[in-house]
Amino acid sequence: MNITVSDSHASADETFVADSPWWLKAKSTPVDIHPLTRPLSDEHNYISAGLVAKAWQGALDIQYLWVGESRSGQGMARDLMQMA
C-alpha cells in the first residue's frame, strides 16, 4: 500500500472520502441519503449565502452554512436552516 499525504485540494478525493462512510453503512442497513444544497442568490446570480448538507433518516448533517458579509445580520442563516 502506498500512502500519500498532500495539502493540495482534489475535489474528487474529498467527495470519495466524505461519502464512503455513508455508503458502507448503507451496505448493512438501507439508508436513504439525499444531498441538499440551498444557495441564496440575487437577480444577477451572485450567491450571497448557502447551505450544503445531507438529509438521511430524519436527520440533517450540515456540512457548510455560510452567509456573505453583505448579507450578515439579515437572518439569512436562519432562513437557510428553515428551508432545509
N, C-alpha and C. Protein backbone atom coordinates (compact mmCIF):
# COMPACT_ATOMS: atom_id res chain seq x y z
N MET A 1 0.84 -1.17 0.00
CA MET A 1 0.00 0.00 0.00
C MET A 1 0.88 1.23 0.00
N ASN A 2 0.50 2.20 -0.80
CA ASN A 2 1.23 3.46 -0.88
C ASN A 2 0.37 4.56 -0.29
N ILE A 3 0.81 5.15 0.82
CA ILE A 3 0.07 6.23 1.46
C ILE A 3 0.71 7.55 1.07
N THR A 4 -0.11 8.43 0.53
CA THR A 4 0.36 9.74 0.10
C THR A 4 -0.35 10.82 0.90
N VAL A 5 0.40 11.74 1.45
CA VAL A 5 -0.17 12.87 2.17
C VAL A 5 0.11 14.13 1.36
N SER A 6 -0.95 14.92 1.16
CA SER A 6 -0.80 16.12 0.33
C SER A 6 -1.68 17.23 0.89
N ASP A 7 -1.22 18.45 0.72
CA ASP A 7 -2.05 19.59 1.12
C ASP A 7 -2.76 20.22 -0.08
N SER A 8 -2.64 19.59 -1.24
CA SER A 8 -3.36 20.09 -2.41
C SER A 8 -4.79 19.57 -2.36
N HIS A 9 -5.70 20.34 -2.91
CA HIS A 9 -7.11 20.01 -2.87
C HIS A 9 -7.52 19.26 -4.13
N ALA A 10 -8.06 18.07 -3.94
CA ALA A 10 -8.61 17.30 -5.06
C ALA A 10 -10.07 17.03 -4.73
N SER A 11 -10.96 17.71 -5.41
CA SER A 11 -12.39 17.63 -5.12
C SER A 11 -12.92 16.20 -5.17
N ALA A 12 -12.49 15.43 -6.16
CA ALA A 12 -12.97 14.05 -6.29
C ALA A 12 -12.52 13.21 -5.10
N ASP A 13 -11.28 13.42 -4.63
CA ASP A 13 -10.80 12.69 -3.46
C ASP A 13 -11.60 13.05 -2.22
N GLU A 14 -11.86 14.34 -2.04
CA GLU A 14 -12.64 14.79 -0.88
C GLU A 14 -14.03 14.18 -0.90
N THR A 15 -14.66 14.18 -2.05
CA THR A 15 -16.00 13.62 -2.18
C THR A 15 -16.00 12.13 -1.86
N PHE A 16 -15.01 11.41 -2.39
CA PHE A 16 -14.94 9.97 -2.14
C PHE A 16 -14.79 9.67 -0.65
N VAL A 17 -13.86 10.36 0.01
CA VAL A 17 -13.62 10.12 1.44
C VAL A 17 -14.84 10.52 2.27
N ALA A 18 -15.45 11.64 1.95
CA ALA A 18 -16.61 12.11 2.72
C ALA A 18 -17.82 11.20 2.54
N ASP A 19 -18.01 10.64 1.36
CA ASP A 19 -19.18 9.81 1.10
C ASP A 19 -19.01 8.35 1.49
N SER A 20 -17.79 7.87 1.59
CA SER A 20 -17.56 6.44 1.84
C SER A 20 -18.22 5.90 3.11
N PRO A 21 -18.15 6.59 4.26
CA PRO A 21 -18.82 6.03 5.44
C PRO A 21 -20.33 5.86 5.24
N TRP A 22 -20.94 6.76 4.50
CA TRP A 22 -22.38 6.66 4.26
C TRP A 22 -22.70 5.41 3.45
N TRP A 23 -21.93 5.16 2.41
CA TRP A 23 -22.23 4.03 1.54
C TRP A 23 -21.86 2.71 2.21
N LEU A 24 -20.85 2.71 3.08
CA LEU A 24 -20.50 1.49 3.82
C LEU A 24 -21.65 1.11 4.74
N LYS A 25 -22.20 2.07 5.45
CA LYS A 25 -23.33 1.80 6.34
C LYS A 25 -24.53 1.32 5.53
N ALA A 26 -24.73 1.88 4.37
CA ALA A 26 -25.88 1.51 3.54
C ALA A 26 -25.82 0.06 3.09
N LYS A 27 -24.61 -0.53 3.04
CA LYS A 27 -24.49 -1.94 2.65
C LYS A 27 -25.15 -2.85 3.68
N SER A 28 -25.04 -2.52 4.97
CA SER A 28 -25.60 -3.37 6.01
C SER A 28 -27.01 -2.95 6.41
N THR A 29 -27.30 -1.69 6.35
CA THR A 29 -28.61 -1.15 6.71
C THR A 29 -29.01 -0.14 5.64
N PRO A 30 -30.13 -0.37 4.99
CA PRO A 30 -30.53 0.60 3.96
C PRO A 30 -30.65 2.02 4.55
N VAL A 31 -29.99 2.95 3.91
CA VAL A 31 -30.02 4.34 4.34
C VAL A 31 -30.42 5.19 3.14
N ASP A 32 -31.44 5.98 3.33
CA ASP A 32 -31.93 6.85 2.27
C ASP A 32 -31.27 8.22 2.45
N ILE A 33 -30.23 8.51 1.67
CA ILE A 33 -29.46 9.74 1.80
C ILE A 33 -29.76 10.66 0.63
N HIS A 34 -30.05 11.91 0.95
CA HIS A 34 -30.33 12.90 -0.09
C HIS A 34 -29.40 14.10 0.07
N PRO A 35 -28.60 14.42 -0.95
CA PRO A 35 -27.80 15.64 -0.87
C PRO A 35 -28.74 16.85 -0.91
N LEU A 36 -28.36 17.88 -0.18
CA LEU A 36 -29.18 19.08 -0.08
C LEU A 36 -28.29 20.30 -0.23
N THR A 37 -28.53 21.09 -1.26
CA THR A 37 -27.77 22.32 -1.48
C THR A 37 -28.76 23.45 -1.66
N ARG A 38 -28.60 24.49 -0.86
CA ARG A 38 -29.50 25.64 -0.91
C ARG A 38 -28.70 26.93 -1.04
N PRO A 39 -28.40 27.36 -2.25
CA PRO A 39 -27.75 28.67 -2.40
C PRO A 39 -28.80 29.78 -2.43
N LEU A 40 -28.47 30.92 -1.88
CA LEU A 40 -29.32 32.11 -1.99
C LEU A 40 -28.61 33.08 -2.91
N SER A 41 -29.24 33.40 -4.02
CA SER A 41 -28.60 34.30 -4.98
C SER A 41 -29.54 35.43 -5.36
N ASP A 42 -28.95 36.50 -5.86
CA ASP A 42 -29.73 37.66 -6.27
C ASP A 42 -30.09 37.55 -7.75
N GLU A 43 -30.67 38.62 -8.29
CA GLU A 43 -31.11 38.62 -9.69
C GLU A 43 -29.97 38.52 -10.68
N HIS A 44 -28.73 38.73 -10.22
CA HIS A 44 -27.56 38.62 -11.09
C HIS A 44 -26.84 37.28 -10.90
N ASN A 45 -27.48 36.34 -10.20
CA ASN A 45 -26.93 35.02 -9.87
C ASN A 45 -25.69 35.09 -8.98
N TYR A 46 -25.53 36.16 -8.22
CA TYR A 46 -24.44 36.27 -7.25
C TYR A 46 -24.89 35.55 -5.98
N ILE A 47 -24.17 34.50 -5.60
CA ILE A 47 -24.52 33.74 -4.40
C ILE A 47 -24.02 34.50 -3.18
N SER A 48 -24.94 34.83 -2.28
CA SER A 48 -24.58 35.60 -1.10
C SER A 48 -24.70 34.79 0.19
N ALA A 49 -25.24 33.58 0.09
CA ALA A 49 -25.35 32.69 1.25
C ALA A 49 -25.65 31.29 0.73
N GLY A 50 -25.38 30.29 1.55
CA GLY A 50 -25.67 28.94 1.11
C GLY A 50 -25.54 27.90 2.21
N LEU A 51 -26.18 26.77 1.98
CA LEU A 51 -26.13 25.64 2.89
C LEU A 51 -25.88 24.39 2.07
N VAL A 52 -24.98 23.53 2.53
CA VAL A 52 -24.72 22.24 1.91
C VAL A 52 -24.86 21.19 3.00
N ALA A 53 -25.70 20.19 2.75
CA ALA A 53 -25.97 19.19 3.79
C ALA A 53 -26.37 17.87 3.15
N LYS A 54 -26.57 16.87 4.01
CA LYS A 54 -27.12 15.58 3.60
C LYS A 54 -28.28 15.28 4.55
N ALA A 55 -29.41 14.92 3.98
CA ALA A 55 -30.58 14.53 4.77
C ALA A 55 -30.68 13.01 4.74
N TRP A 56 -30.84 12.41 5.91
CA TRP A 56 -30.95 10.95 5.98
C TRP A 56 -31.63 10.55 7.28
N GLN A 57 -32.51 9.59 7.20
CA GLN A 57 -33.22 9.01 8.33
C GLN A 57 -33.73 10.06 9.31
N GLY A 58 -34.32 11.11 8.81
CA GLY A 58 -34.88 12.15 9.65
C GLY A 58 -33.87 13.12 10.23
N ALA A 59 -32.62 12.99 9.85
CA ALA A 59 -31.56 13.87 10.36
C ALA A 59 -31.05 14.76 9.23
N LEU A 60 -30.42 15.86 9.63
CA LEU A 60 -29.80 16.76 8.67
C LEU A 60 -28.35 16.94 9.08
N ASP A 61 -27.43 16.47 8.26
CA ASP A 61 -25.99 16.59 8.51
C ASP A 61 -25.49 17.80 7.73
N ILE A 62 -25.34 18.93 8.43
CA ILE A 62 -24.93 20.17 7.78
C ILE A 62 -23.42 20.17 7.62
N GLN A 63 -22.97 20.31 6.39
CA GLN A 63 -21.54 20.36 6.13
C GLN A 63 -21.04 21.79 6.06
N TYR A 64 -21.83 22.66 5.45
CA TYR A 64 -21.44 24.07 5.33
C TYR A 64 -22.69 24.95 5.48
N LEU A 65 -22.54 26.02 6.23
CA LEU A 65 -23.55 27.06 6.33
C LEU A 65 -22.78 28.37 6.27
N TRP A 66 -23.03 29.15 5.23
CA TRP A 66 -22.23 30.36 5.00
C TRP A 66 -23.14 31.51 4.62
N VAL A 67 -22.84 32.68 5.17
CA VAL A 67 -23.51 33.92 4.79
C VAL A 67 -22.43 34.95 4.51
N GLY A 68 -22.48 35.55 3.34
CA GLY A 68 -21.51 36.57 2.96
C GLY A 68 -21.68 37.84 3.78
N GLU A 69 -20.64 38.60 3.82
CA GLU A 69 -20.61 39.83 4.62
C GLU A 69 -21.74 40.79 4.24
N SER A 70 -22.08 40.86 2.96
CA SER A 70 -23.12 41.79 2.52
C SER A 70 -24.51 41.42 3.04
N ARG A 71 -24.70 40.17 3.46
CA ARG A 71 -26.00 39.70 3.96
C ARG A 71 -25.99 39.41 5.45
N SER A 72 -24.86 39.60 6.09
CA SER A 72 -24.73 39.31 7.52
C SER A 72 -25.72 40.14 8.34
N GLY A 73 -26.33 39.50 9.34
CA GLY A 73 -27.25 40.19 10.23
C GLY A 73 -28.67 40.34 9.69
N GLN A 74 -28.97 39.72 8.55
CA GLN A 74 -30.29 39.84 7.94
C GLN A 74 -31.14 38.58 8.11
N GLY A 75 -30.68 37.63 8.92
CA GLY A 75 -31.45 36.41 9.15
C GLY A 75 -31.30 35.36 8.07
N MET A 76 -30.29 35.49 7.21
CA MET A 76 -30.11 34.53 6.11
C MET A 76 -29.81 33.12 6.62
N ALA A 77 -28.97 32.99 7.64
CA ALA A 77 -28.64 31.66 8.17
C ALA A 77 -29.91 31.00 8.71
N ARG A 78 -30.72 31.75 9.42
CA ARG A 78 -31.99 31.23 9.94
C ARG A 78 -32.89 30.79 8.79
N ASP A 79 -32.99 31.62 7.76
CA ASP A 79 -33.82 31.28 6.60
C ASP A 79 -33.34 30.01 5.92
N LEU A 80 -32.04 29.87 5.76
CA LEU A 80 -31.48 28.66 5.14
C LEU A 80 -31.80 27.42 5.98
N MET A 81 -31.65 27.53 7.29
CA MET A 81 -31.94 26.40 8.17
C MET A 81 -33.43 26.02 8.09
N GLN A 82 -34.30 27.01 8.04
CA GLN A 82 -35.73 26.72 7.94
C GLN A 82 -36.08 26.08 6.60
N MET A 83 -35.41 26.50 5.52
CA MET A 83 -35.66 25.90 4.21
C MET A 83 -35.18 24.46 4.15
N ALA A 84 -34.11 24.16 4.89
CA ALA A 84 -33.55 22.81 4.86
C ALA A 84 -34.51 21.85 5.53
